[in-house]
Structures are given as structure tokens and as C-alpha cells.
Protein backbone atom coordinates (compact mmCIF):
# COMPACT_ATOMS: atom_id res chain seq x y z
CA MET A 1 6.14 2.69 -21.66
CA ARG A 2 9.29 1.41 -20.16
CA GLN A 3 8.89 -0.01 -16.88
CA VAL A 4 4.85 0.91 -16.42
CA GLY A 5 4.64 -2.45 -18.81
CA LEU A 6 6.40 -4.40 -16.32
CA ILE A 7 4.72 -3.18 -13.34
CA ALA A 8 1.43 -3.98 -14.58
CA GLY A 9 2.61 -7.30 -16.06
CA ALA A 10 3.94 -8.08 -12.55
CA ALA A 11 0.89 -6.89 -11.23
CA ALA A 12 -1.37 -9.15 -13.10
CA THR A 13 0.46 -11.89 -12.49
CA ALA A 14 0.26 -11.27 -8.61
CA LEU A 15 -3.19 -10.53 -8.14
CA VAL A 16 -3.96 -13.69 -10.10
CA ALA A 17 -1.84 -15.90 -7.78
CA ALA A 18 -3.53 -14.07 -4.68
CA GLY A 19 -6.84 -14.52 -6.17
CA ALA A 20 -6.39 -18.34 -5.87
CA ILE A 21 -5.03 -18.60 -2.02
CA THR A 22 -7.02 -15.67 -0.51
CA TYR A 23 -9.47 -18.77 0.79
CA ALA A 24 -6.96 -20.82 2.14
CA VAL A 25 -4.83 -18.35 4.33
CA ALA A 26 -6.70 -19.15 7.40
CA GLY A 27 -3.69 -21.35 9.24
CA ASP A 28 -1.59 -21.76 6.10
CA ASP A 29 2.20 -21.96 7.69
CA GLY A 30 1.24 -21.16 11.04
CA GLY A 31 0.93 -24.28 12.73
CA GLY A 32 -2.69 -24.35 12.51
CA GLN A 33 -3.58 -21.64 14.94
CA THR A 34 -5.80 -18.58 13.62
CA PRO A 35 -3.90 -15.60 14.53
CA SER A 36 -5.03 -13.78 17.54
CA ALA A 37 -6.26 -9.95 17.42
CA GLU A 38 -3.08 -9.02 18.93
CA SER A 39 -0.98 -10.40 16.57
CA ALA A 40 0.94 -9.07 14.08
CA ASP A 41 -1.01 -11.32 10.73
CA ALA A 42 -3.81 -9.31 12.42
CA GLY A 43 -2.57 -5.65 12.63
CA PHE A 44 -0.53 -5.44 9.51
CA ALA A 45 -3.77 -6.44 7.64
CA ARG A 46 -5.74 -4.03 9.25
CA ASP A 47 -3.09 -1.61 8.85
CA MET A 48 -2.19 -2.53 5.85
CA ALA A 49 -5.79 -2.11 4.58
CA VAL A 50 -5.77 1.41 6.10
CA HIS A 51 -3.10 2.32 3.88
CA HIS A 52 -4.00 0.92 0.54
CA GLN A 53 -7.00 2.59 0.51
CA GLN A 54 -5.08 5.80 0.68
CA ALA A 55 -3.05 5.08 -2.19
CA VAL A 56 -6.00 3.94 -4.14
CA GLU A 57 -7.63 7.56 -3.55
CA MET A 58 -5.00 9.41 -4.33
CA SER A 59 -4.36 7.39 -7.50
CA TYR A 60 -8.04 8.01 -8.62
CA ILE A 61 -7.41 11.70 -8.04
CA VAL A 62 -4.38 11.98 -10.25
CA ARG A 63 -6.21 9.87 -12.53
CA ASP A 64 -8.79 12.47 -13.12
CA ARG A 65 -6.32 15.19 -13.29
CA THR A 66 -3.53 14.47 -15.86
CA LYS A 67 -3.95 13.67 -19.53
CA ASP A 68 -0.51 11.68 -18.97
CA GLU A 69 -0.75 8.02 -20.30
CA GLU A 70 2.23 7.55 -18.49
CA VAL A 71 1.00 8.31 -15.03
CA ARG A 72 -2.30 7.27 -15.67
CA ARG A 73 -1.11 4.03 -16.22
CA LEU A 74 0.44 3.73 -13.25
CA ALA A 75 -1.79 5.46 -11.11
CA TYR A 76 -4.49 2.81 -12.63
CA ASP A 77 -1.61 -0.37 -11.90
CA ILE A 78 -1.26 1.14 -8.20
CA ALA A 79 -5.17 1.37 -7.26
CA GLN A 80 -5.96 -2.09 -9.26
CA THR A 81 -3.38 -3.74 -7.08
CA GLN A 82 -3.98 -2.12 -3.99
CA ALA A 83 -7.42 -2.50 -3.73
CA ASN A 84 -7.23 -6.03 -4.33
CA GLN A 85 -4.71 -6.87 -1.63
CA ARG A 86 -6.50 -4.71 0.76
CA GLY A 87 -10.13 -7.05 -0.31
CA MET A 88 -7.68 -10.07 0.58
CA MET A 89 -6.75 -8.28 4.18
CA LEU A 90 -10.16 -7.64 4.79
CA GLY A 91 -11.05 -11.08 3.44
CA TRP A 92 -8.36 -13.30 5.69
CA LEU A 93 -9.92 -10.79 8.80
CA ASP A 94 -12.88 -12.20 8.11
CA LEU A 95 -11.80 -16.14 7.81
CA TRP A 96 -10.53 -15.08 11.38
CA GLY A 97 -13.14 -14.57 12.84
CA LEU A 98 -11.26 -10.78 13.95
CA PRO A 99 -12.47 -7.35 14.21
CA LYS A 100 -11.46 -4.30 11.95
CA VAL A 101 -10.42 -2.00 13.58
CA SER A 102 -8.42 -1.90 16.61
CA SER A 103 -8.88 0.70 19.73
CA LYS A 104 -4.89 0.58 19.90
CA PRO A 105 -2.89 2.88 18.15
CA PRO A 106 -1.87 1.98 13.98
CA MET A 107 1.75 -0.15 13.88
CA THR A 108 1.23 -1.40 17.53
CA TRP A 109 2.02 -4.75 16.24
CA MET A 110 5.40 -3.32 15.14
CA ASP A 111 5.98 -1.73 18.85
CA MET A 112 5.89 1.34 17.14
CA GLY A 113 2.29 2.66 18.24
CA GLY A 114 3.63 5.96 18.60
CA MET A 115 5.27 6.62 15.52
CA ALA A 116 3.20 8.45 13.59
CA SER A 117 0.25 11.18 15.45
CA GLY A 118 -2.46 11.20 12.98
CA LYS A 119 -2.32 14.55 13.31
CA ASP A 120 -4.18 16.24 9.89
CA GLY A 121 -5.37 12.07 9.23
CA ALA A 122 -1.89 11.17 8.84
CA LEU A 123 -2.32 7.58 10.79
CA MET A 124 0.77 5.92 9.94
CA PRO A 125 4.57 6.94 8.07
CA GLY A 126 4.00 7.54 4.80
CA MET A 127 0.35 8.69 4.95
CA ALA A 128 -0.18 11.78 3.26
CA THR A 129 -2.33 14.42 5.30
CA ASN A 130 -5.55 15.57 4.49
CA THR A 131 -4.50 18.63 3.51
CA GLU A 132 -1.99 17.51 1.20
CA MET A 133 -5.09 15.10 -0.22
CA LYS A 134 -7.46 18.54 -1.12
CA LYS A 135 -4.39 20.06 -2.38
CA LEU A 136 -3.68 16.91 -5.27
CA GLY A 137 -7.57 17.10 -5.96
CA THR A 138 -6.85 21.22 -6.86
CA LEU A 139 -3.65 20.45 -8.85
CA SER A 140 -3.66 19.43 -12.56
CA GLY A 141 -1.79 18.46 -15.25
CA LYS A 142 2.34 18.38 -14.87
CA GLN A 143 1.80 19.87 -10.83
CA ALA A 144 -0.66 17.34 -10.22
CA GLU A 145 1.88 15.02 -11.68
CA ILE A 146 4.37 15.99 -9.56
CA PHE A 147 2.69 16.27 -6.39
CA TYR A 148 1.70 12.44 -7.04
CA LEU A 149 4.54 10.92 -7.66
CA GLN A 150 5.77 12.52 -4.50
CA LEU A 151 3.33 11.84 -2.07
CA MET A 152 3.40 8.17 -3.30
CA THR A 153 7.53 7.76 -3.00
CA ASP A 154 6.33 8.76 0.37
CA HIS A 155 3.65 6.15 0.83
CA HIS A 156 5.24 3.74 -0.76
CA LYS A 157 8.48 4.07 1.78
CA GLY A 158 6.10 3.88 4.70
CA GLY A 159 4.80 1.29 3.08
CA ILE A 160 7.72 -1.09 2.20
CA HIS A 161 8.40 -0.35 6.71
CA MET A 162 5.03 -1.91 7.23
CA ALA A 163 5.45 -4.33 5.05
CA GLU A 164 8.75 -5.32 6.31
CA GLY A 165 7.54 -5.42 10.06
CA CYS A 166 5.02 -8.77 8.52
CA VAL A 167 8.04 -10.30 6.57
CA GLU A 168 9.77 -10.51 10.13
CA LYS A 169 6.94 -10.81 12.37
CA CYS A 170 3.66 -12.63 11.15
CA ALA A 171 3.29 -15.86 11.12
CA VAL A 172 0.90 -16.89 8.38
CA GLY A 173 2.77 -18.06 5.70
CA VAL A 174 0.75 -16.67 2.78
CA GLU A 175 0.34 -13.50 4.46
CA LYS A 176 4.61 -13.24 4.39
CA ARG A 177 4.81 -13.73 0.77
CA LEU A 178 1.99 -11.24 0.14
CA ALA A 179 4.17 -8.76 3.07
CA GLN A 180 7.73 -9.39 0.94
CA GLY A 181 5.95 -9.22 -2.44
CA MET A 182 4.42 -5.53 -1.51
CA VAL A 183 7.86 -4.77 -0.54
CA ASP A 184 9.71 -6.00 -3.88
CA ALA A 185 7.12 -4.27 -6.17
CA GLN A 186 6.67 -1.12 -4.58
CA GLN A 187 10.86 -0.48 -4.65
CA SER A 188 10.28 -1.06 -8.86
CA GLU A 189 8.09 1.57 -8.56
CA ILE A 190 9.77 4.12 -6.69
CA GLY A 191 12.35 3.73 -9.05
CA LEU A 192 10.08 4.30 -11.53
CA MET A 193 8.54 7.41 -9.77
CA ALA A 194 11.90 8.78 -9.05
CA ASP A 195 12.94 8.67 -13.33
CA LEU A 196 8.86 10.36 -13.58
CA LEU A 197 9.84 13.17 -11.63
CA LYS A 198 13.12 13.38 -12.96
CA GLU A 199 11.55 13.93 -16.32
CA ARG A 200 9.68 16.59 -15.29
CA GLY A 201 12.61 18.58 -13.11
CA ALA A 202 11.54 17.40 -9.66
CA ALA A 203 12.65 14.98 -7.36
CA PRO A 204 11.26 12.93 -4.12
CA ARG A 205 10.91 15.07 -1.21
CA SER A 206 12.57 12.92 1.22
């Protein structure tokens, strides 16, 4: 169980806190101003909602491809946490009266709109390609565990980069705090996944 239980407890606490603040976020610490569609606040909410959705999908795939309880527990924790956070961010966009999609490339709000090509479905840094997602669905047992842990490590690294961008650029206080919480939690999970990979005779891809 090791760190998985600790991470699960921290995630549960974060989810309770998140639920309590979801509907009070529209002008929090932002000078009473609703963010614009081009703001970092809106851009982060849109992009991270997409980024999180893939993590949820990967996690449910691996839960069906392995019987290892430690990996299954980690995958469930990631799926539940990120699905909840995704719902919060989409809810904020609704509260702000802003669109959930943009005609501009992902990460434009970070001045990095050209960083990911979008080739084969990898819309943002760290995201798995469509080919990689299909491959994950064909593996089982130890092979599925290793590939999932490698994909999710890359995914978390990309997510941390984006969340750090929101911590720096977002104006809404509660969103900045959520982003910092993502950084902290995902860095911890990266360490755990490195340990799980090592146990399986593997390592992160980068």
C-alpha cells in the first residue's frame, strides 16, 4: 500500500475542499472581475479539463487490464481526483459564462500555443497519442502496468507544467490554489510511479 494510501487520503481531503468552493469561485481574489475568454484562468480551465479527461480514460483502461491491486488503486485514485477537478473547471467556465472550447491552439494562454503539434491526438505536452492509447488497451498484466505508469508519468509532467503556468498567471485565487494542489499531488504520484516501475524492472521514458 505504502504511499498509495497516503495519496488517496490527501486526494479525498482535496476533493471535499474542492466541492465546498466550486460555486464560490467566480470572482474569488480576482478583484471582483469575471475572467475573460482569453484569460489564463479560462485557458487553464479549458485545457486542463481536456488533459484530465485523458488521464481518467487511461486509468480506467488499466484497471480492466491488470489484477495488481496497487496499480488498480492508484489508477482509481487518479481517475476520481481528476474527474472531480475536471468537473470543477468546467463548472467555473459555466459560472463565468465562457465557452468550454476555443478556436486558438491549446496553451495559448501560456504563450505556448505552438508547443504541441496535436499530431495523433497529443494535443498538449505529456498527453498520450491515439496510437499509445490503443496500445494500452491491447496490453495486460505487467506489460499494461508498465506502459500505464510510463504514460501517466509523462502525463503528470505535462500537467505540472501547465498547473505551474496557472499558479503564475491566473488571477482567481481559488483556481491558483487548485493548480498548486495539482503540482504537489502529481509530483508525489510521479515519485510513487517511479518506485512501481522500478519494482517491475522498468523506468520512466524520460
